[in-house]
Amino acid sequence: MINYKLLIHAIFEEYALRTNGTHGVSHWARVMENGLRLAELTDANQAVIRLFAIFHDSKRVNEGTDHGHGSRGAEFAASLRGNLFDLPDDEFDLLFAACSAHTDGLTDADITIQTCWDADRLDLGRVGIIPQVSRLCTDAAMSPETIEWADGRAAFRVVPEFVKDEWGIDVDG
């Protein structure tokens, strides 16, 4: 069992941006919710999705174009593996690949990786971009209902309750 509160607080010790910024904890939480919702239809690996959500932007150094941040996040996950979380090799390989390539615009990959990428892309409404079906990977993400649900949450920057209740982070405080 992964202690996400402990893991996220360890990530924040090295996090370069504001925790409540565009790529911060609220985004991570919505990506997690998006991914878990998609996984109900794609049968993607939920442990990988949860970890992707918190690592994919964990090593950004700015809120704009930040080439290499996905690979840095993947390497950071590798450095914490075995200490703050663990995954079997095959699952960790999925996490590493999903983080490393999440900004490359790819759509063809293992279903778990596709689900991770879609979970992130469905949160583009936080920066005023409506997710485009042509850039999504899975039928579940391409559903108009899914896009509307996720985009509405992103546009209003909804902060899931578990951010405070389970992760111990008050983004308003």
Protein backbone atom coordinates (compact mmCIF):
# COMPACT_ATOMS: atom_id res chain seq x y z
CA MET A 1 0.00 0.00 0.00
CA ILE A 2 1.37 3.39 -0.97
CA ASN A 3 1.20 6.24 1.51
CA TYR A 4 0.34 9.03 -0.97
CA LYS A 5 0.48 11.73 1.69
CA LEU A 6 4.07 10.84 2.54
CA LEU A 7 5.00 10.46 -1.14
CA ILE A 8 3.50 13.79 -2.19
CA HIS A 9 5.10 15.64 0.68
CA ALA A 10 8.47 14.13 -0.32
CA ILE A 11 7.88 15.35 -3.88
CA PHE A 12 7.10 18.85 -2.58
CA GLU A 13 10.47 18.98 -0.83
CA GLU A 14 12.01 19.32 -4.29
CA TYR A 15 9.10 20.86 -6.19
CA ALA A 16 10.16 24.08 -7.95
CA LEU A 17 6.72 25.61 -8.55
CA ARG A 18 3.80 26.78 -6.43
CA THR A 19 1.81 23.83 -5.11
CA ASN A 20 -1.41 25.49 -6.27
CA GLY A 21 -0.08 26.51 -9.71
CA THR A 22 -1.27 25.45 -13.14
CA HIS A 23 0.74 22.22 -13.00
CA GLY A 24 0.45 21.71 -9.24
CA VAL A 25 -1.41 19.49 -6.85
CA SER A 26 -4.96 20.31 -8.03
CA HIS A 27 -3.96 19.34 -11.57
CA TRP A 28 -2.37 16.13 -10.30
CA ALA A 29 -5.55 15.25 -8.41
CA ARG A 30 -7.82 15.90 -11.40
CA VAL A 31 -5.51 13.84 -13.61
CA MET A 32 -5.79 11.04 -11.06
CA GLU A 33 -9.59 11.25 -11.02
CA ASN A 34 -9.72 11.43 -14.82
CA GLY A 35 -7.47 8.40 -15.12
CA LEU A 36 -9.33 6.31 -12.59
CA ARG A 37 -12.62 7.14 -14.29
CA LEU A 38 -11.18 6.14 -17.66
CA ALA A 39 -9.67 2.97 -16.20
CA GLU A 40 -13.15 1.72 -15.35
CA LEU A 41 -13.66 1.46 -19.13
CA THR A 42 -10.14 0.75 -20.37
CA ASP A 43 -9.04 -1.72 -17.68
CA ALA A 44 -5.79 0.25 -17.35
CA ASN A 45 -3.54 -0.35 -14.36
CA GLN A 46 -4.81 1.91 -11.58
CA ALA A 47 -1.59 1.88 -9.56
CA VAL A 48 0.32 3.22 -12.57
CA ILE A 49 -2.36 5.85 -13.21
CA ARG A 50 -2.21 7.10 -9.61
CA LEU A 51 1.57 7.41 -9.70
CA PHE A 52 1.60 8.97 -13.17
CA ALA A 53 -0.75 11.67 -11.91
CA ILE A 54 1.66 12.80 -9.21
CA PHE A 55 4.96 12.28 -11.04
CA HIS A 56 4.28 13.48 -14.60
CA ASP A 57 4.72 17.20 -13.77
CA SER A 58 6.65 16.80 -10.51
CA LYS A 59 9.95 18.05 -11.95
CA ARG A 60 8.75 21.02 -13.94
CA VAL A 61 10.87 24.13 -13.53
CA ASN A 62 8.32 26.55 -15.02
CA GLU A 63 4.64 26.75 -15.93
CA GLY A 64 5.31 27.22 -19.66
CA THR A 65 7.24 25.17 -22.17
CA ASP A 66 9.52 22.91 -20.16
CA HIS A 67 11.22 20.40 -22.41
CA GLY A 68 12.32 17.28 -20.60
CA HIS A 69 10.14 17.66 -17.52
CA GLY A 70 8.41 14.34 -18.17
CA SER A 71 11.71 12.48 -18.35
CA ARG A 72 12.90 14.26 -15.22
CA GLY A 73 9.68 13.20 -13.48
CA ALA A 74 10.21 9.60 -14.60
CA GLU A 75 13.77 9.63 -13.29
CA PHE A 76 12.55 11.15 -10.02
CA ALA A 77 10.02 8.31 -9.71
CA ALA A 78 12.86 5.85 -10.27
CA SER A 79 14.85 7.48 -7.47
CA LEU A 80 11.96 7.07 -4.99
CA ARG A 81 11.01 3.54 -6.08
CA GLY A 82 11.74 0.99 -3.39
CA ASN A 83 11.75 3.67 -0.71
CA LEU A 84 8.42 5.54 -0.81
CA PHE A 85 6.60 3.26 -3.24
CA ASP A 86 7.16 0.08 -5.16
CA LEU A 87 5.86 -1.42 -8.36
CA PRO A 88 6.76 -4.61 -10.20
CA ASP A 89 9.19 -4.00 -13.07
CA ASP A 90 6.56 -4.28 -15.81
CA GLU A 91 4.30 -1.73 -14.12
CA PHE A 92 7.18 0.62 -13.38
CA ASP A 93 8.19 0.45 -17.05
CA LEU A 94 4.67 1.66 -17.96
CA LEU A 95 4.91 4.52 -15.45
CA PHE A 96 8.34 5.54 -16.70
CA ALA A 97 7.22 5.52 -20.35
CA ALA A 98 3.98 7.38 -19.62
CA CYS A 99 5.77 10.16 -17.72
CA SER A 100 8.66 10.43 -20.18
CA ALA A 101 6.51 10.84 -23.29
CA HIS A 102 3.38 12.54 -21.95
CA THR A 103 4.01 15.80 -23.85
CA ASP A 104 5.13 14.22 -27.13
CA GLY A 105 1.64 14.19 -28.66
CA LEU A 106 1.68 10.43 -29.13
CA THR A 107 -1.51 8.37 -29.15
CA ASP A 108 -0.26 4.82 -29.80
CA ALA A 109 0.95 2.87 -26.76
CA ASP A 110 -0.07 0.31 -24.15
CA ILE A 111 -3.62 0.94 -22.88
CA THR A 112 -2.36 2.01 -19.45
CA ILE A 113 -0.02 4.57 -21.00
CA GLN A 114 -2.80 5.81 -23.28
CA THR A 115 -5.09 6.18 -20.28
CA CYS A 116 -2.44 8.19 -18.44
CA TRP A 117 -1.94 10.52 -21.39
CA ASP A 118 -5.69 10.97 -21.84
CA ALA A 119 -6.13 11.71 -18.13
CA ASP A 120 -3.64 14.57 -18.45
CA ARG A 121 -4.99 15.87 -21.77
CA LEU A 122 -8.53 15.94 -20.40
CA ASP A 123 -7.37 18.56 -17.87
CA LEU A 124 -6.34 21.14 -20.48
CA GLY A 125 -9.38 23.26 -19.63
CA ARG A 126 -7.40 24.69 -16.72
CA VAL A 127 -5.43 26.68 -19.32
CA GLY A 128 -8.42 27.42 -21.58
CA ILE A 129 -7.89 24.59 -24.07
CA ILE A 130 -10.75 22.22 -24.85
CA PRO A 131 -9.41 18.67 -25.32
CA GLN A 132 -9.41 17.67 -28.99
CA VAL A 133 -10.67 14.18 -29.85
CA SER A 134 -7.88 13.77 -32.44
CA ARG A 135 -5.28 14.10 -29.67
CA LEU A 136 -6.89 11.59 -27.34
CA CYS A 137 -6.02 7.89 -27.33
CA THR A 138 -8.93 5.91 -25.94
CA ASP A 139 -12.59 5.63 -26.87
CA ALA A 140 -13.42 6.28 -23.22
CA ALA A 141 -11.67 9.67 -23.32
CA MET A 142 -13.14 10.58 -26.71
CA SER A 143 -16.68 10.30 -25.39
CA PRO A 144 -18.40 13.71 -25.47
CA GLU A 145 -19.71 13.07 -21.96
CA THR A 146 -16.22 12.40 -20.63
CA ILE A 147 -14.77 15.48 -22.31
CA GLU A 148 -17.59 17.66 -20.97
CA TRP A 149 -17.21 16.27 -17.43
CA ALA A 150 -13.43 16.60 -17.31
CA ASP A 151 -13.28 19.95 -19.10
CA GLY A 152 -15.86 21.47 -16.77
CA ARG A 153 -13.85 20.39 -13.72
CA ALA A 154 -10.61 21.66 -15.27
CA ALA A 155 -12.05 25.01 -16.36
CA PHE A 156 -13.29 25.71 -12.84
CA ARG A 157 -10.10 24.28 -11.33
CA VAL A 158 -12.02 21.91 -9.10
CA VAL A 159 -9.92 20.66 -6.20
CA PRO A 160 -10.94 17.10 -5.32
CA GLU A 161 -11.66 16.66 -1.61
CA PHE A 162 -9.00 13.98 -1.19
CA VAL A 163 -6.30 16.62 -1.73
CA LYS A 164 -7.02 17.96 1.75
CA ASP A 165 -8.53 14.89 3.40
CA GLU A 166 -6.04 12.24 2.26
CA TRP A 167 -3.01 14.15 1.02
CA GLY A 168 -3.09 16.75 3.82
CA ILE A 169 -2.73 19.72 1.47
CA ASP A 170 -4.82 22.86 1.77
CA VAL A 171 -4.41 24.60 -1.60
CA ASP A 172 -6.39 27.60 -0.38
CA GLY A 173 -4.34 28.10 2.76
